[in-house]
Amino acid sequence: MSGFKCPCCGNVTDIFEKDGGKNLSEETGIPFLGKIPIEPGIVKASEDEKTFVGIAGNSETGKAFMSIIDNIRKNLNEKQ
């Protein structure tokens, strides 16, 4: 997860260490797949047993999920 973007003002608050996942991937040599903004709608989708991308695929967070899926596919294709 990356920062929380306030739905009212758009400011991003980094709740966790900024770029912690990216830095760890560089240290370990594991590919960095991307950042997913903290989004309250993810919890709601989970509670409703729906995929977040299925209900909010065009949102910034939905696009982040899709980008990570594309990166996973790319990494899998490179290993084949």
PDB file of N, CA and C in Angstrom:
ATOM      1  N   MET A   1       0.837  -1.176   0.000  1.00  0.00           N
ATOM      2  CA  MET A   1       0.000   0.000   0.000  1.00  0.00           C
ATOM      3  C   MET A   1       0.886   1.244   0.000  1.00  0.00           C
ATOM      4  N   SER A   2       0.387   2.249  -0.613  1.00  0.00           N
ATOM      5  CA  SER A   2       1.103   3.522  -0.580  1.00  0.00           C
ATOM      6  C   SER A   2       0.265   4.520   0.192  1.00  0.00           C
ATOM      7  N   GLY A   3       0.414   5.790  -0.075  1.00  0.00           N
ATOM      8  CA  GLY A   3      -0.246   6.817   0.709  1.00  0.00           C
ATOM      9  C   GLY A   3      -1.759   6.828   0.585  1.00  0.00           C
ATOM     10  N   PHE A   4      -2.390   7.521   1.530  1.00  0.00           N
ATOM     11  CA  PHE A   4      -3.829   7.730   1.522  1.00  0.00           C
ATOM     12  C   PHE A   4      -4.121   9.077   0.886  1.00  0.00           C
ATOM     13  N   LYS A   5      -4.929   9.078  -0.165  1.00  0.00           N
ATOM     14  CA  LYS A   5      -5.312  10.319  -0.838  1.00  0.00           C
ATOM     15  C   LYS A   5      -6.665  10.756  -0.303  1.00  0.00           C
ATOM     16  N   CYS A   6      -6.692  11.916   0.312  1.00  0.00           N
ATOM     17  CA  CYS A   6      -7.923  12.448   0.889  1.00  0.00           C
ATOM     18  C   CYS A   6      -8.952  12.688  -0.223  1.00  0.00           C
ATOM     19  N   PRO A   7     -10.144  12.111  -0.096  1.00  0.00           N
ATOM     20  CA  PRO A   7     -11.155  12.308  -1.132  1.00  0.00           C
ATOM     21  C   PRO A   7     -11.701  13.738  -1.181  1.00  0.00           C
ATOM     22  N   CYS A   8     -11.500  14.503  -0.117  1.00  0.00           N
ATOM     23  CA  CYS A   8     -12.014  15.869  -0.076  1.00  0.00           C
ATOM     24  C   CYS A   8     -11.049  16.876  -0.702  1.00  0.00           C
ATOM     25  N   CYS A   9      -9.775  16.802  -0.306  1.00  0.00           N
ATOM     26  CA  CYS A   9      -8.823  17.825  -0.766  1.00  0.00           C
ATOM     27  C   CYS A   9      -7.766  17.286  -1.730  1.00  0.00           C
ATOM     28  N   GLY A  10      -7.631  15.952  -1.824  1.00  0.00           N
ATOM     29  CA  GLY A  10      -6.663  15.373  -2.750  1.00  0.00           C
ATOM     30  C   GLY A  10      -5.252  15.252  -2.204  1.00  0.00           C
ATOM     31  N   ASN A  11      -5.004  15.748  -0.989  1.00  0.00           N
ATOM     32  CA  ASN A  11      -3.663  15.622  -0.403  1.00  0.00           C
ATOM     33  C   ASN A  11      -3.364  14.160  -0.092  1.00  0.00           C
ATOM     34  N   VAL A  12      -2.096  13.765  -0.287  1.00  0.00           N
ATOM     35  CA  VAL A  12      -1.664  12.404  -0.014  1.00  0.00           C
ATOM     36  C   VAL A  12      -0.904  12.379   1.305  1.00  0.00           C
ATOM     37  N   THR A  13      -1.305  11.467   2.187  1.00  0.00           N
ATOM     38  CA  THR A  13      -0.622  11.266   3.462  1.00  0.00           C
ATOM     39  C   THR A  13       0.062   9.911   3.410  1.00  0.00           C
ATOM     40  N   ASP A  14       1.385   9.904   3.591  1.00  0.00           N
ATOM     41  CA  ASP A  14       2.137   8.652   3.610  1.00  0.00           C
ATOM     42  C   ASP A  14       2.039   8.054   5.000  1.00  0.00           C
ATOM     43  N   ILE A  15       1.181   7.040   5.130  1.00  0.00           N
ATOM     44  CA  ILE A  15       0.969   6.395   6.421  1.00  0.00           C
ATOM     45  C   ILE A  15       2.134   5.461   6.734  1.00  0.00           C
ATOM     46  N   PHE A  16       2.629   4.775   5.707  1.00  0.00           N
ATOM     47  CA  PHE A  16       3.781   3.897   5.849  1.00  0.00           C
ATOM     48  C   PHE A  16       5.004   4.613   5.311  1.00  0.00           C
ATOM     49  N   GLU A  17       6.177   4.018   5.495  1.00  0.00           N
ATOM     50  CA  GLU A  17       7.410   4.612   4.973  1.00  0.00           C
ATOM     51  C   GLU A  17       7.269   4.810   3.466  1.00  0.00           C
ATOM     52  N   LYS A  18       7.571   6.005   2.990  1.00  0.00           N
ATOM     53  CA  LYS A  18       7.461   6.304   1.565  1.00  0.00           C
ATOM     54  C   LYS A  18       8.498   5.498   0.794  1.00  0.00           C
ATOM     55  N   ASP A  19       8.054   4.823  -0.250  1.00  0.00           N
ATOM     56  CA  ASP A  19       8.896   4.007  -1.132  1.00  0.00           C
ATOM     57  C   ASP A  19       9.542   2.828  -0.423  1.00  0.00           C
ATOM     58  N   GLY A  20       8.990   2.400   0.707  1.00  0.00           N
ATOM     59  CA  GLY A  20       9.545   1.263   1.443  1.00  0.00           C
ATOM     60  C   GLY A  20       9.542  -0.015   0.619  1.00  0.00           C
ATOM     61  N   GLY A  21       8.438  -0.294  -0.060  1.00  0.00           N
ATOM     62  CA  GLY A  21       8.347  -1.488  -0.892  1.00  0.00           C
ATOM     63  C   GLY A  21       9.301  -1.439  -2.067  1.00  0.00           C
ATOM     64  N   LYS A  22       9.396  -0.278  -2.680  1.00  0.00           N
ATOM     65  CA  LYS A  22      10.311  -0.119  -3.815  1.00  0.00           C
ATOM     66  C   LYS A  22      11.752  -0.291  -3.356  1.00  0.00           C
ATOM     67  N   ASN A  23      12.098   0.316  -2.236  1.00  0.00           N
ATOM     68  CA  ASN A  23      13.465   0.185  -1.716  1.00  0.00           C
ATOM     69  C   ASN A  23      13.787  -1.263  -1.377  1.00  0.00           C
ATOM     70  N   LEU A  24      12.831  -1.968  -0.771  1.00  0.00           N
ATOM     71  CA  LEU A  24      13.046  -3.370  -0.422  1.00  0.00           C
ATOM     72  C   LEU A  24      13.235  -4.217  -1.676  1.00  0.00           C
ATOM     73  N   SER A  25      12.472  -3.925  -2.719  1.00  0.00           N
ATOM     74  CA  SER A  25      12.610  -4.699  -3.952  1.00  0.00           C
ATOM     75  C   SER A  25      13.996  -4.494  -4.564  1.00  0.00           C
ATOM     76  N   GLU A  26      14.506  -3.276  -4.485  1.00  0.00           N
ATOM     77  CA  GLU A  26      15.851  -3.007  -5.006  1.00  0.00           C
ATOM     78  C   GLU A  26      16.915  -3.724  -4.191  1.00  0.00           C
ATOM     79  N   GLU A  27      16.733  -3.747  -2.870  1.00  0.00           N
ATOM     80  CA  GLU A  27      17.708  -4.411  -1.991  1.00  0.00           C
ATOM     81  C   GLU A  27      17.720  -5.920  -2.200  1.00  0.00           C
ATOM     82  N   THR A  28      16.564  -6.501  -2.477  1.00  0.00           N
ATOM     83  CA  THR A  28      16.457  -7.955  -2.580  1.00  0.00           C
ATOM     84  C   THR A  28      16.526  -8.478  -4.014  1.00  0.00           C
ATOM     85  N   GLY A  29      16.425  -7.581  -4.982  1.00  0.00           N
ATOM     86  CA  GLY A  29      16.441  -8.002  -6.382  1.00  0.00           C
ATOM     87  C   GLY A  29      15.111  -8.574  -6.855  1.00  0.00           C
ATOM     88  N   ILE A  30      14.067  -8.378  -6.069  1.00  0.00           N
ATOM     89  CA  ILE A  30      12.727  -8.822  -6.450  1.00  0.00           C
ATOM     90  C   ILE A  30      12.059  -7.675  -7.202  1.00  0.00           C
ATOM     91  N   PRO A  31      11.430  -7.958  -8.352  1.00  0.00           N
ATOM     92  CA  PRO A  31      10.823  -6.869  -9.129  1.00  0.00           C
ATOM     93  C   PRO A  31       9.766  -6.100  -8.324  1.00  0.00           C
ATOM     94  N   PHE A  32       9.802  -4.791  -8.450  1.00  0.00           N
ATOM     95  CA  PHE A  32       8.782  -3.934  -7.841  1.00  0.00           C
ATOM     96  C   PHE A  32       7.601  -3.888  -8.797  1.00  0.00           C
ATOM     97  N   LEU A  33       6.432  -4.254  -8.314  1.00  0.00           N
ATOM     98  CA  LEU A  33       5.263  -4.355  -9.180  1.00  0.00           C
ATOM     99  C   LEU A  33       4.432  -3.083  -9.226  1.00  0.00           C
ATOM    100  N   GLY A  34       4.494  -2.253  -8.189  1.00  0.00           N
ATOM    101  CA  GLY A  34       3.754  -0.998  -8.202  1.00  0.00           C
ATOM    102  C   GLY A  34       3.206  -0.627  -6.841  1.00  0.00           C
ATOM    103  N   LYS A  35       2.532   0.526  -6.807  1.00  0.00           N
ATOM    104  CA  LYS A  35       1.937   1.062  -5.578  1.00  0.00           C
ATOM    105  C   LYS A  35       0.428   1.020  -5.684  1.00  0.00           C
ATOM    106  N   ILE A  36      -0.222   0.724  -4.582  1.00  0.00           N
ATOM    107  CA  ILE A  36      -1.681   0.770  -4.523  1.00  0.00           C
ATOM    108  C   ILE A  36      -2.066   1.795  -3.458  1.00  0.00           C
ATOM    109  N   PRO A  37      -2.724   2.887  -3.869  1.00  0.00           N
ATOM    110  CA  PRO A  37      -3.167   3.874  -2.886  1.00  0.00           C
ATOM    111  C   PRO A  37      -4.132   3.248  -1.878  1.00  0.00           C
ATOM    112  N   ILE A  38      -4.063   3.692  -0.649  1.00  0.00           N
ATOM    113  CA  ILE A  38      -4.996   3.227   0.379  1.00  0.00           C
ATOM    114  C   ILE A  38      -6.365   3.804   0.043  1.00  0.00           C
ATOM    115  N   GLU A  39      -7.336   2.928  -0.093  1.00  0.00           N
ATOM    116  CA  GLU A  39      -8.648   3.317  -0.585  1.00  0.00           C
ATOM    117  C   GLU A  39      -9.721   2.640   0.268  1.00  0.00           C
ATOM    118  N   PRO A  40     -10.554   3.402   0.964  1.00  0.00           N
ATOM    119  CA  PRO A  40     -11.602   2.797   1.781  1.00  0.00           C
ATOM    120  C   PRO A  40     -12.533   1.888   0.987  1.00  0.00           C
ATOM    121  N   GLY A  41     -12.698   2.139  -0.294  1.00  0.00           N
ATOM    122  CA  GLY A  41     -13.577   1.320  -1.131  1.00  0.00           C
ATOM    123  C   GLY A  41     -13.111  -0.118  -1.251  1.00  0.00           C
ATOM    124  N   ILE A  42     -11.814  -0.381  -1.044  1.00  0.00           N
ATOM    125  CA  ILE A  42     -11.297  -1.752  -1.112  1.00  0.00           C
ATOM    126  C   ILE A  42     -11.934  -2.582   0.000  1.00  0.00           C
ATOM    127  N   VAL A  43     -12.046  -2.013   1.181  1.00  0.00           N
ATOM    128  CA  VAL A  43     -12.667  -2.714   2.307  1.00  0.00           C
ATOM    129  C   VAL A  43     -14.139  -2.993   2.000  1.00  0.00           C
ATOM    130  N   LYS A  44     -14.824  -2.007   1.492  1.00  0.00           N
ATOM    131  CA  LYS A  44     -16.249  -2.164   1.169  1.00  0.00           C
ATOM    132  C   LYS A  44     -16.448  -3.261   0.131  1.00  0.00           C
ATOM    133  N   ALA A  45     -15.617  -3.264  -0.915  1.00  0.00           N
ATOM    134  CA  ALA A  45     -15.729  -4.293  -1.945  1.00  0.00           C
ATOM    135  C   ALA A  45     -15.496  -5.677  -1.345  1.00  0.00           C
ATOM    136  N   SER A  46     -14.517  -5.793  -0.477  1.00  0.00           N
ATOM    137  CA  SER A  46     -14.229  -7.077   0.170  1.00  0.00           C
ATOM    138  C   SER A  46     -15.405  -7.540   1.014  1.00  0.00           C
ATOM    139  N   GLU A  47     -15.978  -6.627   1.772  1.00  0.00           N
ATOM    140  CA  GLU A  47     -17.131  -6.973   2.609  1.00  0.00           C
ATOM    141  C   GLU A  47     -18.320  -7.419   1.760  1.00  0.00           C
ATOM    142  N   ASP A  48     -18.455  -6.836   0.576  1.00  0.00           N
ATOM    143  CA  ASP A  48     -19.553  -7.187  -0.329  1.00  0.00           C
ATOM    144  C   ASP A  48     -19.198  -8.368  -1.237  1.00  0.00           C
ATOM    145  N   GLU A  49     -18.016  -8.974  -1.004  1.00  0.00           N
ATOM    146  CA  GLU A  49     -17.520 -10.112  -1.780  1.00  0.00           C
ATOM    147  C   GLU A  49     -17.422  -9.794  -3.262  1.00  0.00           C
ATOM    148  N   LYS A  50     -16.929  -8.593  -3.567  1.00  0.00           N
ATOM    149  CA  LYS A  50     -16.720  -8.152  -4.947  1.00  0.00           C
ATOM    150  C   LYS A  50     -15.266  -7.741  -5.111  1.00  0.00           C
ATOM    151  N   THR A  51     -14.798  -7.766  -6.347  1.00  0.00           N
ATOM    152  CA  THR A  51     -13.449  -7.276  -6.588  1.00  0.00           C
ATOM    153  C   THR A  51     -13.487  -5.760  -6.705  1.00  0.00           C
ATOM    154  N   PHE A  52     -12.497  -5.103  -6.160  1.00  0.00           N
ATOM    155  CA  PHE A  52     -12.456  -3.643  -6.237  1.00  0.00           C
ATOM    156  C   PHE A  52     -12.351  -3.195  -7.686  1.00  0.00           C
ATOM    157  N   VAL A  53     -11.518  -3.880  -8.459  1.00  0.00           N
ATOM    158  CA  VAL A  53     -11.345  -3.509  -9.865  1.00  0.00           C
ATOM    159  C   VAL A  53     -12.669  -3.657 -10.618  1.00  0.00           C
ATOM    160  N   GLY A  54     -13.470  -4.650 -10.223  1.00  0.00           N
ATOM    161  CA  GLY A  54     -14.755  -4.864 -10.873  1.00  0.00           C
ATOM    162  C   GLY A  54     -15.743  -3.729 -10.651  1.00  0.00           C
ATOM    163  N   ILE A  55     -15.634  -3.052  -9.509  1.00  0.00           N
ATOM    164  CA  ILE A  55     -16.586  -1.970  -9.230  1.00  0.00           C
ATOM    165  C   ILE A  55     -15.980  -0.577  -9.382  1.00  0.00           C
ATOM    166  N   ALA A  56     -14.659  -0.489  -9.384  1.00  0.00           N
ATOM    167  CA  ALA A  56     -14.017   0.834  -9.482  1.00  0.00           C
ATOM    168  C   ALA A  56     -12.761   0.776 -10.347  1.00  0.00           C
ATOM    169  N   GLY A  57     -12.832   0.014 -11.420  1.00  0.00           N
ATOM    170  CA  GLY A  57     -11.666  -0.182 -12.278  1.00  0.00           C
ATOM    171  C   GLY A  57     -11.111   1.079 -12.914  1.00  0.00           C
ATOM    172  N   ASN A  58     -11.944   2.104 -13.086  1.00  0.00           N
ATOM    173  CA  ASN A  58     -11.469   3.343 -13.710  1.00  0.00           C
ATOM    174  C   ASN A  58     -10.935   4.354 -12.708  1.00  0.00           C
ATOM    175  N   SER A  59     -10.998   4.023 -11.423  1.00  0.00           N
ATOM    176  CA  SER A  59     -10.464   4.935 -10.410  1.00  0.00           C
ATOM    177  C   SER A  59      -8.933   4.859 -10.411  1.00  0.00           C
ATOM    178  N   GLU A  60      -8.304   5.784  -9.730  1.00  0.00           N
ATOM    179  CA  GLU A  60      -6.842   5.785  -9.630  1.00  0.00           C
ATOM    180  C   GLU A  60      -6.346   4.473  -9.009  1.00  0.00           C
ATOM    181  N   THR A  61      -7.037   4.012  -7.973  1.00  0.00           N
ATOM    182  CA  THR A  61      -6.645   2.769  -7.315  1.00  0.00           C
ATOM    183  C   THR A  61      -6.909   1.570  -8.212  1.00  0.00           C
ATOM    184  N   GLY A  62      -8.028   1.559  -8.909  1.00  0.00           N
ATOM    185  CA  GLY A  62      -8.321   0.478  -9.852  1.00  0.00           C
ATOM    186  C   GLY A  62      -7.270   0.380 -10.936  1.00  0.00           C
ATOM    187  N   LYS A  63      -6.850   1.523 -11.448  1.00  0.00           N
ATOM    188  CA  LYS A  63      -5.800   1.542 -12.472  1.00  0.00           C
ATOM    189  C   LYS A  63      -4.469   1.063 -11.903  1.00  0.00           C
ATOM    190  N   ALA A  64      -4.203   1.367 -10.631  1.00  0.00           N
ATOM    191  CA  ALA A  64      -2.975   0.888  -9.985  1.00  0.00           C
ATOM    192  C   ALA A  64      -2.993  -0.638  -9.893  1.00  0.00           C
ATOM    193  N   PHE A  65      -4.145  -1.210  -9.507  1.00  0.00           N
ATOM    194  CA  PHE A  65      -4.278  -2.670  -9.474  1.00  0.00           C
ATOM    195  C   PHE A  65      -4.023  -3.267 -10.853  1.00  0.00           C
ATOM    196  N   MET A  66      -4.626  -2.679 -11.881  1.00  0.00           N
ATOM    197  CA  MET A  66      -4.462  -3.200 -13.239  1.00  0.00           C
ATOM    198  C   MET A  66      -3.012  -3.099 -13.706  1.00  0.00           C
ATOM    199  N   SER A  67      -2.337  -2.030 -13.337  1.00  0.00           N
ATOM    200  CA  SER A  67      -0.929  -1.876 -13.688  1.00  0.00           C
ATOM    201  C   SER A  67      -0.086  -2.971 -13.040  1.00  0.00           C
ATOM    202  N   ILE A  68      -0.383  -3.289 -11.795  1.00  0.00           N
ATOM    203  CA  ILE A  68       0.347  -4.357 -11.100  1.00  0.00           C
ATOM    204  C   ILE A  68       0.052  -5.706 -11.753  1.00  0.00           C
ATOM    205  N   ILE A  69      -1.186  -5.948 -12.142  1.00  0.00           N
ATOM    206  CA  ILE A  69      -1.523  -7.186 -12.837  1.00  0.00           C
ATOM    207  C   ILE A  69      -0.736  -7.281 -14.136  1.00  0.00           C
ATOM    208  N   ASP A  70      -0.648  -6.183 -14.870  1.00  0.00           N
ATOM    209  CA  ASP A  70       0.136  -6.165 -16.111  1.00  0.00           C
ATOM    210  C   ASP A  70       1.609  -6.453 -15.837  1.00  0.00           C
ATOM    211  N   ASN A  71       2.137  -5.899 -14.752  1.00  0.00           N
ATOM    212  CA  ASN A  71       3.540  -6.146 -14.399  1.00  0.00           C
ATOM    213  C   ASN A  71       3.775  -7.611 -14.027  1.00  0.00           C
ATOM    214  N   ILE A  72       2.819  -8.219 -13.342  1.00  0.00           N
ATOM    215  CA  ILE A  72       2.936  -9.645 -13.014  1.00  0.00           C
ATOM    216  C   ILE A  72       2.956 -10.476 -14.293  1.00  0.00           C
ATOM    217  N   ARG A  73       2.048 -10.166 -15.207  1.00  0.00           N
ATOM    218  CA  ARG A  73       2.008 -10.891 -16.484  1.00  0.00           C
ATOM    219  C   ARG A  73       3.328 -10.732 -17.238  1.00  0.00           C
ATOM    220  N   LYS A  74       3.840  -9.511 -17.266  1.00  0.00           N
ATOM    221  CA  LYS A  74       5.092  -9.255 -17.962  1.00  0.00           C
ATOM    222  C   LYS A  74       6.234 -10.062 -17.347  1.00  0.00           C
ATOM    223  N   ASN A  75       6.300 -10.079 -16.011  1.00  0.00           N
ATOM    224  CA  ASN A  75       7.349 -10.840 -15.333  1.00  0.00           C
ATOM    225  C   ASN A  75       7.205 -12.331 -15.595  1.00  0.00           C
ATOM    226  N   LEU A  76       5.991 -12.832 -15.623  1.00  0.00           N
ATOM    227  CA  LEU A  76       5.776 -14.258 -15.900  1.00  0.00           C
ATOM    228  C   LEU A  76       6.182 -14.601 -17.328  1.00  0.00           C
ATOM    229  N   ASN A  77       5.844 -13.729 -18.282  1.00  0.00           N
ATOM    230  CA  ASN A  77       6.208 -13.977 -19.679  1.00  0.00           C
ATOM    231  C   ASN A  77       7.724 -13.957 -19.884  1.00  0.00           C
ATOM    232  N   GLU A  78       8.422 -13.101 -19.148  1.00  0.00           N
ATOM    233  CA  GLU A  78       9.883 -13.022 -19.266  1.00  0.00           C
ATOM    234  C   GLU A  78      10.550 -14.284 -18.734  1.00  0.00           C
ATOM    235  N   LYS A  79       9.905 -14.963 -17.783  1.00  0.00           N
ATOM    236  CA  LYS A  79      10.486 -16.161 -17.184  1.00  0.00           C
ATOM    237  C   LYS A  79      10.203 -17.418 -18.001  1.00  0.00           C
ATOM    238  N   GLN A  80       9.295 -17.315 -18.977  1.00  0.00           N
ATOM    239  CA  GLN A  80       8.946 -18.504 -19.792  1.00  0.00           C
ATOM    240  C   GLN A  80       9.839 -18.630 -20.982  1.00  0.00           C
TER     241      GLN A  80
END
